[in-house]
Amino acid sequence: MSHHEHPLIVVKDLVHCYNSTRVLDVPHLSFCRGKIYALLGPNGSGKTTLLNIMGLLLRPTSGMVLYEDTDLLSNPGLMKDVRTRMTTVLQNPILFDMSVENNVAYGLKIRGIPREERNRIVRECLAMVKLDGFQERRARELSGGEAQRVAIARALAVKPQALFLDEYTANVDEKSIEVLDEVVVRIRRSSDTTVFLVTHDTRQAHRLADEVISLFAGKVVRSTMENLFRGTMARINGLSVFDTGRIKMEVVADKQGQAHAAINPRDIIVSLQPLSTSARNSFRGTIAAVLSEGAAVRLSVDAGEVFKVLMTRASFQEMKLDVGTMVYITFKSTAVEVL
């Protein structure tokens, strides 16, 4: 196993409860050095809790967090050392009321790095987040996007082995989102830092990450958490049916009563006529929105429920689709994940 393939962090039998309510239940996850991982899911799915446990900001109710094969939770001395090799950037970062330069240099200063070396690293890190020349600016004068970029520059200055980013683009402008996403990609190319992103933005997760981990109700699920519907499971004529109140879809699941169902947008086929296929779910709808994503096109199709569909640009153009076009969407019962 190569240096990059060997896990940096592994979590096992991880459980966390708030007021006796289980909010996280993860049997096993493994994270290799130098990769980007996205933790994806709706609010309340447990992704920030998992991030904080791996970043050693929160002790789980039970389970293990292994760092280079050693359980940190049973080794307080090592945990203190490993904390210095990790940095976390919050959704609303806290900057000190001082210059940008002093903010970025803070971690270097407490590590005893000489001034000349500190200044060089600060310049490099500010250049990376495209804030060259901001050294003398006061932190309180920065926009939200600029403050987030300074927080990431400060995190990068100490060359962490693991960088945790919690909804790092949630409250920033479009320009800063572009810059911050570029920074994440650059970290991947130029260092061994393992990056963890918490996001609810499916496109951002898949655009940036080597691996996307979807969470729902504290558990890891295979779905991308798009086309997430709430409804009721029932047996009808020997078949398992999920009913949202607007549409009914055939699924493969034993669950009964209230449930959620999710369908990957890539598993939905769009056609202009009904398909002759073994797929058990087919609905007629109208294209409500079209969004370009490079070689792919993302459609919103209103078929009683609004479905997100991902298709190739070539197919989209060949079918001459547009907003308002009537289409059929088709997917297999096995494509529906019941949660």
C-alpha atoms as a PDB file:
ATOM      1  CA  MET A   1       0.000   0.000   0.000  1.00  0.00           C
ATOM      2  CA  SER A   2       1.448   3.378  -1.017  1.00  0.00           C
ATOM      3  CA  HIS A   3       1.860   6.400   1.262  1.00  0.00           C
ATOM      4  CA  HIS A   4      -1.249   8.003  -0.261  1.00  0.00           C
ATOM      5  CA  GLU A   5      -3.393   4.864  -0.076  1.00  0.00           C
ATOM      6  CA  HIS A   6      -2.732   4.256   3.629  1.00  0.00           C
ATOM      7  CA  PRO A   7      -5.602   5.693   5.703  1.00  0.00           C
ATOM      8  CA  LEU A   8      -4.837   8.866   7.629  1.00  0.00           C
ATOM      9  CA  ILE A   9      -8.092   8.801   9.623  1.00  0.00           C
ATOM     10  CA  VAL A  10     -10.422   5.871  10.260  1.00  0.00           C
ATOM     11  CA  VAL A  11     -13.629   5.966  12.309  1.00  0.00           C
ATOM     12  CA  LYS A  12     -15.144   2.766  13.715  1.00  0.00           C
ATOM     13  CA  ASP A  13     -18.479   2.081  15.425  1.00  0.00           C
ATOM     14  CA  LEU A  14     -18.966   5.817  15.839  1.00  0.00           C
ATOM     15  CA  VAL A  15     -22.112   6.829  17.749  1.00  0.00           C
ATOM     16  CA  HIS A  16     -23.043  10.260  19.020  1.00  0.00           C
ATOM     17  CA  CYS A  17     -26.143  11.244  20.978  1.00  0.00           C
ATOM     18  CA  TYR A  18     -27.597  14.605  21.992  1.00  0.00           C
ATOM     19  CA  ASN A  19     -29.996  14.356  24.949  1.00  0.00           C
ATOM     20  CA  SER A  20     -30.337  10.577  24.408  1.00  0.00           C
ATOM     21  CA  THR A  21     -31.231  11.085  20.710  1.00  0.00           C
ATOM     22  CA  ARG A  22     -28.846   9.247  18.392  1.00  0.00           C
ATOM     23  CA  VAL A  23     -27.716  11.765  15.757  1.00  0.00           C
ATOM     24  CA  LEU A  24     -24.776   9.833  14.316  1.00  0.00           C
ATOM     25  CA  ASP A  25     -24.301   6.109  13.709  1.00  0.00           C
ATOM     26  CA  VAL A  26     -21.339   5.291  11.452  1.00  0.00           C
ATOM     27  CA  PRO A  27     -19.937   1.731  11.547  1.00  0.00           C
ATOM     28  CA  HIS A  28     -16.808   2.441   9.475  1.00  0.00           C
ATOM     29  CA  LEU A  29     -15.254   5.129   7.285  1.00  0.00           C
ATOM     30  CA  SER A  30     -11.676   5.390   6.048  1.00  0.00           C
ATOM     31  CA  PHE A  31      -9.926   8.506   4.697  1.00  0.00           C
ATOM     32  CA  CYS A  32      -6.610   8.434   2.817  1.00  0.00           C
ATOM     33  CA  ARG A  33      -3.903  11.074   2.875  1.00  0.00           C
ATOM     34  CA  GLY A  34      -3.937  13.792   0.235  1.00  0.00           C
ATOM     35  CA  LYS A  35      -7.525  13.329  -0.965  1.00  0.00           C
ATOM     36  CA  ILE A  36     -10.597  15.579  -0.876  1.00  0.00           C
ATOM     37  CA  TYR A  37     -13.701  14.197   0.834  1.00  0.00           C
ATOM     38  CA  ALA A  38     -17.119  15.851   0.776  1.00  0.00           C
ATOM     39  CA  LEU A  39     -19.650  15.175   3.528  1.00  0.00           C
ATOM     40  CA  LEU A  40     -22.986  15.824   1.852  1.00  0.00           C
ATOM     41  CA  GLY A  41     -26.480  15.924   3.275  1.00  0.00           C
ATOM     42  CA  PRO A  42     -29.439  18.073   4.324  1.00  0.00           C
ATOM     43  CA  ASN A  43     -29.545  20.049   7.571  1.00  0.00           C
ATOM     44  CA  GLY A  44     -29.590  17.721  10.549  1.00  0.00           C
ATOM     45  CA  SER A  45     -28.002  14.805   8.668  1.00  0.00           C
ATOM     46  CA  GLY A  46     -25.015  14.620  11.046  1.00  0.00           C
ATOM     47  CA  LYS A  47     -22.309  15.868   8.704  1.00  0.00           C
ATOM     48  CA  THR A  48     -21.025  18.694  10.954  1.00  0.00           C
ATOM     49  CA  THR A  49     -21.107  16.372  13.968  1.00  0.00           C
ATOM     50  CA  LEU A  50     -18.963  13.858  12.073  1.00  0.00           C
ATOM     51  CA  LEU A  51     -16.588  16.620  10.949  1.00  0.00           C
ATOM     52  CA  ASN A  52     -16.171  17.915  14.515  1.00  0.00           C
ATOM     53  CA  ILE A  53     -15.494  14.417  15.868  1.00  0.00           C
ATOM     54  CA  MET A  54     -12.813  13.750  13.239  1.00  0.00           C
ATOM     55  CA  GLY A  55     -11.359  17.206  13.837  1.00  0.00           C
ATOM     56  CA  LEU A  56     -11.134  16.401  17.575  1.00  0.00           C
ATOM     57  CA  LEU A  57     -13.464  19.256  18.517  1.00  0.00           C
ATOM     58  CA  LEU A  58     -16.137  16.884  19.839  1.00  0.00           C
ATOM     59  CA  ARG A  59     -15.814  13.604  21.710  1.00  0.00           C
ATOM     60  CA  PRO A  60     -18.296  10.975  20.458  1.00  0.00           C
ATOM     61  CA  THR A  61     -20.614   9.080  22.774  1.00  0.00           C
ATOM     62  CA  SER A  62     -18.837   5.869  21.743  1.00  0.00           C
ATOM     63  CA  GLY A  63     -16.562   4.498  19.048  1.00  0.00           C
ATOM     64  CA  MET A  64     -13.017   5.011  17.823  1.00  0.00           C
ATOM     65  CA  VAL A  65     -11.174   7.676  15.831  1.00  0.00           C
ATOM     66  CA  LEU A  66      -7.908   6.238  14.530  1.00  0.00           C
ATOM     67  CA  TYR A  67      -5.147   8.532  13.306  1.00  0.00           C
ATOM     68  CA  GLU A  68      -2.414   6.641  11.456  1.00  0.00           C
ATOM     69  CA  ASP A  69      -3.713   3.400  13.045  1.00  0.00           C
ATOM     70  CA  THR A  70      -3.753   4.690  16.655  1.00  0.00           C
ATOM     71  CA  ASP A  71      -7.002   5.316  18.549  1.00  0.00           C
ATOM     72  CA  LEU A  72      -6.885   8.933  19.663  1.00  0.00           C
ATOM     73  CA  LEU A  73      -9.813   8.778  22.085  1.00  0.00           C
ATOM     74  CA  SER A  74      -7.943   6.373  24.353  1.00  0.00           C
ATOM     75  CA  ASN A  75      -4.635   8.221  24.000  1.00  0.00           C
ATOM     76  CA  PRO A  76      -5.014  11.819  25.306  1.00  0.00           C
ATOM     77  CA  GLY A  77      -1.320  12.635  24.911  1.00  0.00           C
ATOM     78  CA  LEU A  78      -1.317  11.738  21.231  1.00  0.00           C
ATOM     79  CA  MET A  79      -4.646  13.536  20.725  1.00  0.00           C
ATOM     80  CA  LYS A  80      -3.083  16.790  21.931  1.00  0.00           C
ATOM     81  CA  ASP A  81      -0.214  16.366  19.455  1.00  0.00           C
ATOM     82  CA  VAL A  82      -2.486  15.443  16.538  1.00  0.00           C
ATOM     83  CA  ARG A  83      -4.677  18.510  17.185  1.00  0.00           C
ATOM     84  CA  THR A  84      -1.685  20.655  16.152  1.00  0.00           C
ATOM     85  CA  ARG A  85      -1.664  18.869  12.780  1.00  0.00           C
ATOM     86  CA  MET A  86      -5.318  19.668  12.054  1.00  0.00           C
ATOM     87  CA  THR A  87      -7.129  22.913  11.325  1.00  0.00           C
ATOM     88  CA  THR A  88     -10.841  23.658  11.046  1.00  0.00           C
ATOM     89  CA  VAL A  89     -12.420  26.587   9.207  1.00  0.00           C
ATOM     90  CA  LEU A  90     -15.965  27.337  10.322  1.00  0.00           C
ATOM     91  CA  GLN A  91     -18.876  28.692   8.302  1.00  0.00           C
ATOM     92  CA  ASN A  92     -18.526  32.009  10.138  1.00  0.00           C
ATOM     93  CA  PRO A  93     -14.799  32.237  10.890  1.00  0.00           C
ATOM     94  CA  ILE A  94     -13.509  34.118  13.895  1.00  0.00           C
ATOM     95  CA  LEU A  95     -10.672  36.509  13.052  1.00  0.00           C
ATOM     96  CA  PHE A  96      -8.675  38.440  15.631  1.00  0.00           C
ATOM     97  CA  ASP A  97      -9.130  42.222  15.677  1.00  0.00           C
ATOM     98  CA  MET A  98      -5.728  42.852  14.143  1.00  0.00           C
ATOM     99  CA  SER A  99      -4.152  43.041  10.714  1.00  0.00           C
ATOM    100  CA  VAL A 100      -4.667  40.331   8.097  1.00  0.00           C
ATOM    101  CA  GLU A 101      -0.936  39.587   8.273  1.00  0.00           C
ATOM    102  CA  ASN A 102      -1.055  38.984  12.035  1.00  0.00           C
ATOM    103  CA  ASN A 103      -4.136  36.794  11.663  1.00  0.00           C
ATOM    104  CA  VAL A 104      -2.509  34.558   9.067  1.00  0.00           C
ATOM    105  CA  ALA A 105       0.779  34.451  10.995  1.00  0.00           C
ATOM    106  CA  TYR A 106      -0.853  33.607  14.352  1.00  0.00           C
ATOM    107  CA  GLY A 107      -0.384  29.825  14.191  1.00  0.00           C
ATOM    108  CA  LEU A 108       3.180  30.237  12.936  1.00  0.00           C
ATOM    109  CA  LYS A 109       4.051  32.622  15.754  1.00  0.00           C
ATOM    110  CA  ILE A 110       2.880  30.290  18.527  1.00  0.00           C
ATOM    111  CA  ARG A 111       4.902  27.508  16.860  1.00  0.00           C
ATOM    112  CA  GLY A 112       8.019  29.655  17.148  1.00  0.00           C
ATOM    113  CA  ILE A 113       8.592  30.207  13.406  1.00  0.00           C
ATOM    114  CA  PRO A 114      11.101  33.090  12.852  1.00  0.00           C
ATOM    115  CA  ARG A 115       9.678  36.417  11.608  1.00  0.00           C
ATOM    116  CA  GLU A 116      11.306  36.323   8.161  1.00  0.00           C
ATOM    117  CA  GLU A 117       9.976  32.819   7.508  1.00  0.00           C
ATOM    118  CA  ARG A 118       6.540  33.840   8.846  1.00  0.00           C
ATOM    119  CA  ASN A 119       6.365  36.786   6.457  1.00  0.00           C
ATOM    120  CA  ARG A 120       7.252  34.577   3.490  1.00  0.00           C
ATOM    121  CA  ILE A 121       4.587  31.995   4.362  1.00  0.00           C
ATOM    122  CA  VAL A 122       1.970  34.719   4.922  1.00  0.00           C
ATOM    123  CA  ARG A 123       2.693  36.185   1.476  1.00  0.00           C
ATOM    124  CA  GLU A 124       2.411  32.742  -0.161  1.00  0.00           C
ATOM    125  CA  CYS A 125      -0.849  31.878   1.577  1.00  0.00           C
ATOM    126  CA  LEU A 126      -2.482  35.236   0.838  1.00  0.00           C
ATOM    127  CA  ALA A 127      -1.439  34.889  -2.803  1.00  0.00           C
ATOM    128  CA  MET A 128      -3.036  31.446  -2.880  1.00  0.00           C
ATOM    129  CA  VAL A 129      -6.406  32.894  -1.793  1.00  0.00           C
ATOM    130  CA  LYS A 130      -5.925  35.889  -4.138  1.00  0.00           C
ATOM    131  CA  LEU A 131      -5.542  38.486  -1.396  1.00  0.00           C
ATOM    132  CA  ASP A 132      -2.055  39.690  -2.332  1.00  0.00           C
ATOM    133  CA  GLY A 133      -1.285  43.003  -0.668  1.00  0.00           C
ATOM    134  CA  PHE A 134      -3.930  42.626   2.075  1.00  0.00           C
ATOM    135  CA  GLN A 135      -1.327  42.236   4.844  1.00  0.00           C
ATOM    136  CA  GLU A 136      -1.994  45.637   6.459  1.00  0.00           C
ATOM    137  CA  ARG A 137      -5.781  45.535   6.197  1.00  0.00           C
ATOM    138  CA  ARG A 138      -7.689  45.234   9.454  1.00  0.00           C
ATOM    139  CA  ALA A 139      -9.711  42.053   9.761  1.00  0.00           C
ATOM    140  CA  ARG A 140     -12.856  43.991  10.692  1.00  0.00           C
ATOM    141  CA  GLU A 141     -12.718  45.856   7.359  1.00  0.00           C
ATOM    142  CA  LEU A 142     -13.049  42.673   5.287  1.00  0.00           C
ATOM    143  CA  SER A 143     -16.159  41.450   3.474  1.00  0.00           C
ATOM    144  CA  GLY A 144     -17.568  38.044   4.406  1.00  0.00           C
ATOM    145  CA  GLY A 145     -15.887  36.402   1.434  1.00  0.00           C
ATOM    146  CA  GLU A 146     -12.550  38.060   2.169  1.00  0.00           C
ATOM    147  CA  ALA A 147     -12.726  37.037   5.839  1.00  0.00           C
ATOM    148  CA  GLN A 148     -13.321  33.410   4.823  1.00  0.00           C
ATOM    149  CA  ARG A 149     -10.359  33.543   2.463  1.00  0.00           C
ATOM    150  CA  VAL A 150      -8.145  34.936   5.255  1.00  0.00           C
ATOM    151  CA  ALA A 151      -9.337  32.149   7.568  1.00  0.00           C
ATOM    152  CA  ILE A 152      -8.339  29.529   4.991  1.00  0.00           C
ATOM    153  CA  ALA A 153      -4.978  31.256   4.420  1.00  0.00           C
ATOM    154  CA  ARG A 154      -4.415  31.118   8.201  1.00  0.00           C
ATOM    155  CA  ALA A 155      -5.300  27.410   8.208  1.00  0.00           C
ATOM    156  CA  LEU A 156      -2.967  26.636   5.303  1.00  0.00           C
ATOM    157  CA  ALA A 157      -0.057  28.561   6.816  1.00  0.00           C
ATOM    158  CA  VAL A 158       0.612  25.800   9.367  1.00  0.00           C
ATOM    159  CA  LYS A 159       0.626  23.110   6.629  1.00  0.00           C
ATOM    160  CA  PRO A 160      -1.975  20.865   8.271  1.00  0.00           C
ATOM    161  CA  GLN A 161      -2.190  17.144   7.584  1.00  0.00           C
ATOM    162  CA  ALA A 162      -5.984  17.440   7.749  1.00  0.00           C
ATOM    163  CA  LEU A 163      -8.056  20.519   6.849  1.00  0.00           C
ATOM    164  CA  PHE A 164     -11.744  20.617   7.819  1.00  0.00           C
ATOM    165  CA  LEU A 165     -14.000  23.107   6.006  1.00  0.00           C
ATOM    166  CA  ASP A 166     -17.530  23.442   7.406  1.00  0.00           C
ATOM    167  CA  GLU A 167     -19.881  25.022   4.815  1.00  0.00           C
ATOM    168  CA  TYR A 168     -16.985  27.288   3.893  1.00  0.00           C
ATOM    169  CA  THR A 169     -18.837  28.925   0.965  1.00  0.00           C
ATOM    170  CA  ALA A 170     -22.289  29.215   2.568  1.00  0.00           C
ATOM    171  CA  ASN A 171     -22.189  32.954   3.334  1.00  0.00           C
ATOM    172  CA  VAL A 172     -19.833  34.340   0.709  1.00  0.00           C
ATOM    173  CA  ASP A 173     -20.181  36.020  -2.682  1.00  0.00           C
ATOM    174  CA  GLU A 174     -19.869  34.249  -6.046  1.00  0.00           C
ATOM    175  CA  LYS A 175     -16.361  35.598  -6.681  1.00  0.00           C
ATOM    176  CA  SER A 176     -15.110  34.265  -3.349  1.00  0.00           C
ATOM    177  CA  ILE A 177     -16.775  30.877  -3.964  1.00  0.00           C
ATOM    178  CA  GLU A 178     -14.815  30.577  -7.224  1.00  0.00           C
ATOM    179  CA  VAL A 179     -11.554  31.520  -5.515  1.00  0.00           C
ATOM    180  CA  LEU A 180     -12.124  29.200  -2.544  1.00  0.00           C
ATOM    181  CA  ASP A 181     -13.009  26.254  -4.782  1.00  0.00           C
ATOM    182  CA  GLU A 182      -9.824  26.901  -6.784  1.00  0.00           C
ATOM    183  CA  VAL A 183      -7.846  26.902  -3.523  1.00  0.00           C
ATOM    184  CA  VAL A 184      -9.246  23.506  -2.551  1.00  0.00           C
ATOM    185  CA  VAL A 185      -8.261  22.045  -5.929  1.00  0.00           C
ATOM    186  CA  ARG A 186      -4.785  23.590  -5.617  1.00  0.00           C
ATOM    187  CA  ILE A 187      -4.309  22.045  -2.164  1.00  0.00           C
ATOM    188  CA  ARG A 188      -5.110  18.657  -3.700  1.00  0.00           C
ATOM    189  CA  ARG A 189      -2.502  19.134  -6.430  1.00  0.00           C
ATOM    190  CA  SER A 190       0.311  20.603  -4.373  1.00  0.00           C
ATOM    191  CA  SER A 191       0.258  18.968  -0.934  1.00  0.00           C
ATOM    192  CA  ASP A 192      -0.441  15.856   1.117  1.00  0.00           C
ATOM    193  CA  THR A 193      -3.178  17.629   3.086  1.00  0.00           C
ATOM    194  CA  THR A 194      -6.380  15.640   3.397  1.00  0.00           C
ATOM    195  CA  VAL A 195      -9.347  17.985   2.928  1.00  0.00           C
ATOM    196  CA  PHE A 196     -12.848  17.449   4.340  1.00  0.00           C
ATOM    197  CA  LEU A 197     -15.706  19.596   3.030  1.00  0.00           C
ATOM    198  CA  VAL A 198     -19.090  19.789   4.699  1.00  0.00           C
ATOM    199  CA  THR A 199     -21.675  20.988   2.194  1.00  0.00           C
ATOM    200  CA  HIS A 200     -25.318  20.671   1.210  1.00  0.00           C
ATOM    201  CA  ASP A 201     -24.410  21.678  -2.378  1.00  0.00           C
ATOM    202  CA  THR A 202     -24.392  18.461  -4.414  1.00  0.00           C
ATOM    203  CA  ARG A 203     -22.735  20.051  -7.442  1.00  0.00           C
ATOM    204  CA  GLN A 204     -19.917  21.540  -5.366  1.00  0.00           C
ATOM    205  CA  ALA A 205     -19.346  18.191  -3.650  1.00  0.00           C
ATOM    206  CA  HIS A 206     -19.053  16.237  -6.894  1.00  0.00           C
ATOM    207  CA  ARG A 207     -17.055  18.979  -8.618  1.00  0.00           C
ATOM    208  CA  LEU A 208     -14.327  19.112  -5.981  1.00  0.00           C
ATOM    209  CA  ALA A 209     -14.161  15.829  -4.091  1.00  0.00           C
ATOM    210  CA  ASP A 210     -12.387  12.572  -4.847  1.00  0.00           C
ATOM    211  CA  GLU A 211     -15.099  10.866  -2.806  1.00  0.00           C
ATOM    212  CA  VAL A 212     -18.545  12.052  -1.719  1.00  0.00           C
ATOM    213  CA  ILE A 213     -20.032  10.625   1.467  1.00  0.00           C
ATOM    214  CA  SER A 214     -23.771  11.195   1.792  1.00  0.00           C
ATOM    215  CA  LEU A 215     -25.395  11.294   5.212  1.00  0.00           C
ATOM    216  CA  PHE A 216     -29.041  11.180   6.138  1.00  0.00           C
ATOM    217  CA  ALA A 217     -30.435  11.042   9.688  1.00  0.00           C
ATOM    218  CA  GLY A 218     -26.945  10.296  11.018  1.00  0.00           C
ATOM    219  CA  LYS A 219     -26.273   7.329   8.731  1.00  0.00           C
ATOM    220  CA  VAL A 220     -24.131   6.951   5.615  1.00  0.00           C
ATOM    221  CA  VAL A 221     -26.355   6.322   2.574  1.00  0.00           C
ATOM    222  CA  ARG A 222     -25.591   5.622  -1.090  1.00  0.00           C
ATOM    223  CA  SER A 223     -27.892   8.334  -2.429  1.00  0.00           C
ATOM    224  CA  THR A 224     -26.660  11.780  -3.495  1.00  0.00           C
ATOM    225  CA  MET A 225     -29.502  13.313  -1.422  1.00  0.00           C
ATOM    226  CA  GLU A 226     -31.102  14.837  -4.494  1.00  0.00           C
ATOM    227  CA  ASN A 227     -34.676  13.958  -5.429  1.00  0.00           C
ATOM    228  CA  LEU A 228     -35.311  13.427  -1.728  1.00  0.00           C
ATOM    229  CA  PHE A 229     -39.027  12.904  -1.090  1.00  0.00           C
ATOM    230  CA  ARG A 230     -41.050  12.311   2.051  1.00  0.00           C
ATOM    231  CA  GLY A 231     -43.958   9.873   1.957  1.00  0.00           C
ATOM    232  CA  THR A 232     -45.449   6.578   3.049  1.00  0.00           C
ATOM    233  CA  MET A 233     -44.432   3.015   2.267  1.00  0.00           C
ATOM    234  CA  ALA A 234     -47.127   0.390   1.677  1.00  0.00           C
ATOM    235  CA  ARG A 235     -47.675  -3.002   0.049  1.00  0.00           C
ATOM    236  CA  ILE A 236     -50.089  -2.833  -2.892  1.00  0.00           C
ATOM    237  CA  ASN A 237     -50.866  -6.004  -4.902  1.00  0.00           C
ATOM    238  CA  GLY A 238     -47.709  -7.595  -3.577  1.00  0.00           C
ATOM    239  CA  LEU A 239     -45.519  -4.646  -4.583  1.00  0.00           C
ATOM    240  CA  SER A 240     -43.669  -2.122  -2.398  1.00  0.00           C
ATOM    241  CA  VAL A 241     -44.965   1.350  -3.201  1.00  0.00           C
ATOM    242  CA  PHE A 242     -43.737   4.733  -1.987  1.00  0.00           C
ATOM    243  CA  ASP A 243     -46.500   7.371  -2.015  1.00  0.00           C
ATOM    244  CA  THR A 244     -45.589  11.072  -1.691  1.00  0.00           C
ATOM    245  CA  GLY A 245     -49.227  12.164  -1.835  1.00  0.00           C
ATOM    246  CA  ARG A 246     -48.642  13.457  -5.375  1.00  0.00           C
ATOM    247  CA  ILE A 247     -47.112  10.438  -7.091  1.00  0.00           C
ATOM    248  CA  LYS A 248     -46.602   6.752  -6.366  1.00  0.00           C
ATOM    249  CA  MET A 249     -43.389   4.947  -7.286  1.00  0.00           C
ATOM    250  CA  GLU A 250     -42.516   1.281  -7.099  1.00  0.00           C
ATOM    251  CA  VAL A 251     -39.466   0.556  -4.937  1.00  0.00           C
ATOM    252  CA  VAL A 252     -37.503  -2.387  -3.564  1.00  0.00           C
ATOM    253  CA  ALA A 253     -37.750  -2.164   0.226  1.00  0.00           C
ATOM    254  CA  ASP A 254     -39.406  -3.912   3.167  1.00  0.00           C
ATOM    255  CA  LYS A 255     -39.999  -0.746   5.175  1.00  0.00           C
ATOM    256  CA  GLN A 256     -43.555   0.235   6.134  1.00  0.00           C
ATOM    257  CA  GLY A 257     -45.084   3.560   7.207  1.00  0.00           C
ATOM    258  CA  GLN A 258     -43.424   6.978   7.073  1.00  0.00           C
ATOM    259  CA  ALA A 259     -40.186   7.092   5.079  1.00  0.00           C
ATOM    260  CA  HIS A 260     -37.985   9.107   2.767  1.00  0.00           C
ATOM    261  CA  ALA A 261     -36.926   8.117  -0.736  1.00  0.00           C
ATOM    262  CA  ALA A 262     -34.097   9.449  -2.892  1.00  0.00           C
ATOM    263  CA  ILE A 263     -33.139   8.954  -6.545  1.00  0.00           C
ATOM    264  CA  ASN A 264     -29.790   9.799  -8.098  1.00  0.00           C
ATOM    265  CA  PRO A 265     -30.357  12.302 -10.969  1.00  0.00           C
ATOM    266  CA  ARG A 266     -28.037  10.156 -13.121  1.00  0.00           C
ATOM    267  CA  ASP A 267     -30.402   7.179 -12.767  1.00  0.00           C
ATOM    268  CA  ILE A 268     -33.333   8.970 -14.416  1.00  0.00           C
ATOM    269  CA  ILE A 269     -33.833   8.642 -18.191  1.00  0.00           C
ATOM    270  CA  VAL A 270     -35.504  11.448 -20.171  1.00  0.00           C
ATOM    271  CA  SER A 271     -37.442  10.689 -23.348  1.00  0.00           C
ATOM    272  CA  LEU A 272     -39.963  12.401 -25.609  1.00  0.00           C
ATOM    273  CA  GLN A 273     -42.168   9.284 -25.739  1.00  0.00           C
ATOM    274  CA  PRO A 274     -42.931   6.544 -23.178  1.00  0.00           C
ATOM    275  CA  LEU A 275     -40.161   3.929 -23.147  1.00  0.00           C
ATOM    276  CA  SER A 276     -40.598   0.201 -23.673  1.00  0.00           C
ATOM    277  CA  THR A 277     -38.450  -0.886 -20.751  1.00  0.00           C
ATOM    278  CA  SER A 278     -38.388  -3.075 -17.665  1.00  0.00           C
ATOM    279  CA  ALA A 279     -38.112   0.074 -15.503  1.00  0.00           C
ATOM    280  CA  ARG A 280     -41.213   0.216 -13.322  1.00  0.00           C
ATOM    281  CA  ASN A 281     -41.484   3.977 -12.791  1.00  0.00           C
ATOM    282  CA  SER A 282     -42.418   6.353 -15.598  1.00  0.00           C
ATOM    283  CA  PHE A 283     -44.016   9.802 -15.291  1.00  0.00           C
ATOM    284  CA  ARG A 284     -44.990  12.492 -17.758  1.00  0.00           C
ATOM    285  CA  GLY A 285     -43.803  15.979 -16.897  1.00  0.00           C
ATOM    286  CA  THR A 286     -42.682  19.379 -18.116  1.00  0.00           C
ATOM    287  CA  ILE A 287     -39.178  20.796 -18.037  1.00  0.00           C
ATOM    288  CA  ALA A 288     -39.295  23.672 -15.534  1.00  0.00           C
ATOM    289  CA  ALA A 289     -35.616  24.717 -15.544  1.00  0.00           C
ATOM    290  CA  VAL A 290     -32.369  23.998 -17.398  1.00  0.00           C
ATOM    291  CA  LEU A 291     -28.894  24.485 -15.939  1.00  0.00           C
ATOM    292  CA  SER A 292     -25.656  23.965 -17.868  1.00  0.00           C
ATOM    293  CA  GLU A 293     -22.873  22.009 -16.125  1.00  0.00           C
ATOM    294  CA  GLY A 294     -20.085  21.751 -18.684  1.00  0.00           C
ATOM    295  CA  ALA A 295     -20.554  18.523 -20.650  1.00  0.00           C
ATOM    296  CA  ALA A 296     -23.766  17.816 -18.729  1.00  0.00           C
ATOM    297  CA  VAL A 297     -27.142  19.521 -18.417  1.00  0.00           C
ATOM    298  CA  ARG A 298     -29.261  19.485 -15.245  1.00  0.00           C
ATOM    299  CA  LEU A 299     -33.030  19.598 -15.709  1.00  0.00           C
ATOM    300  CA  SER A 300     -35.839  20.228 -13.264  1.00  0.00           C
ATOM    301  CA  VAL A 301     -38.849  18.231 -14.450  1.00  0.00           C
ATOM    302  CA  ASP A 302     -42.253  18.822 -12.878  1.00  0.00           C
ATOM    303  CA  ALA A 303     -44.011  15.453 -12.957  1.00  0.00           C
ATOM    304  CA  GLY A 304     -46.264  15.899  -9.926  1.00  0.00           C
ATOM    305  CA  GLU A 305     -43.087  16.130  -7.871  1.00  0.00           C
ATOM    306  CA  VAL A 306     -40.126  18.114  -9.186  1.00  0.00           C
ATOM    307  CA  PHE A 307     -37.305  15.772 -10.221  1.00  0.00           C
ATOM    308  CA  LYS A 308     -33.684  16.775 -10.828  1.00  0.00           C
ATOM    309  CA  VAL A 309     -32.262  14.964 -13.856  1.00  0.00           C
ATOM    310  CA  LEU A 310     -28.693  14.918 -15.176  1.00  0.00           C
ATOM    311  CA  MET A 311     -28.101  14.161 -18.855  1.00  0.00           C
ATOM    312  CA  THR A 312     -25.364  14.717 -21.420  1.00  0.00           C
ATOM    313  CA  ARG A 313     -25.320  17.964 -23.358  1.00  0.00           C
ATOM    314  CA  ALA A 314     -25.246  15.962 -26.609  1.00  0.00           C
ATOM    315  CA  SER A 315     -28.493  14.136 -25.726  1.00  0.00           C
ATOM    316  CA  PHE A 316     -30.116  17.393 -24.585  1.00  0.00           C
ATOM    317  CA  GLN A 317     -29.309  19.087 -27.903  1.00  0.00           C
ATOM    318  CA  GLU A 318     -30.227  16.063 -30.017  1.00  0.00           C
ATOM    319  CA  MET A 319     -33.681  15.914 -28.384  1.00  0.00           C
ATOM    320  CA  LYS A 320     -34.080  19.714 -28.785  1.00  0.00           C
ATOM    321  CA  LEU A 321     -35.220  20.100 -25.205  1.00  0.00           C
ATOM    322  CA  ASP A 322     -36.011  23.423 -23.540  1.00  0.00           C
ATOM    323  CA  VAL A 323     -38.018  24.903 -20.705  1.00  0.00           C
ATOM    324  CA  GLY A 324     -41.656  23.990 -21.298  1.00  0.00           C
ATOM    325  CA  THR A 325     -40.954  20.800 -23.279  1.00  0.00           C
ATOM    326  CA  MET A 326     -43.142  17.860 -22.276  1.00  0.00           C
ATOM    327  CA  VAL A 327     -41.051  14.751 -21.529  1.00  0.00           C
ATOM    328  CA  TYR A 328     -41.224  11.369 -19.857  1.00  0.00           C
ATOM    329  CA  ILE A 329     -38.901  10.464 -16.991  1.00  0.00           C
ATOM    330  CA  THR A 330     -38.187   6.816 -16.287  1.00  0.00           C
ATOM    331  CA  PHE A 331     -36.228   5.029 -13.559  1.00  0.00           C
ATOM    332  CA  LYS A 332     -35.966   1.540 -12.116  1.00  0.00           C
ATOM    333  CA  SER A 333     -37.446   0.553  -8.773  1.00  0.00           C
ATOM    334  CA  THR A 334     -33.922  -0.416  -7.680  1.00  0.00           C
ATOM    335  CA  ALA A 335     -32.759   3.177  -8.347  1.00  0.00           C
ATOM    336  CA  VAL A 336     -34.934   4.409  -5.458  1.00  0.00           C
ATOM    337  CA  GLU A 337     -33.214   4.348  -2.073  1.00  0.00           C
ATOM    338  CA  VAL A 338     -35.710   4.175   0.776  1.00  0.00           C
ATOM    339  CA  LEU A 339     -34.368   5.835   3.936  1.00  0.00           C
END
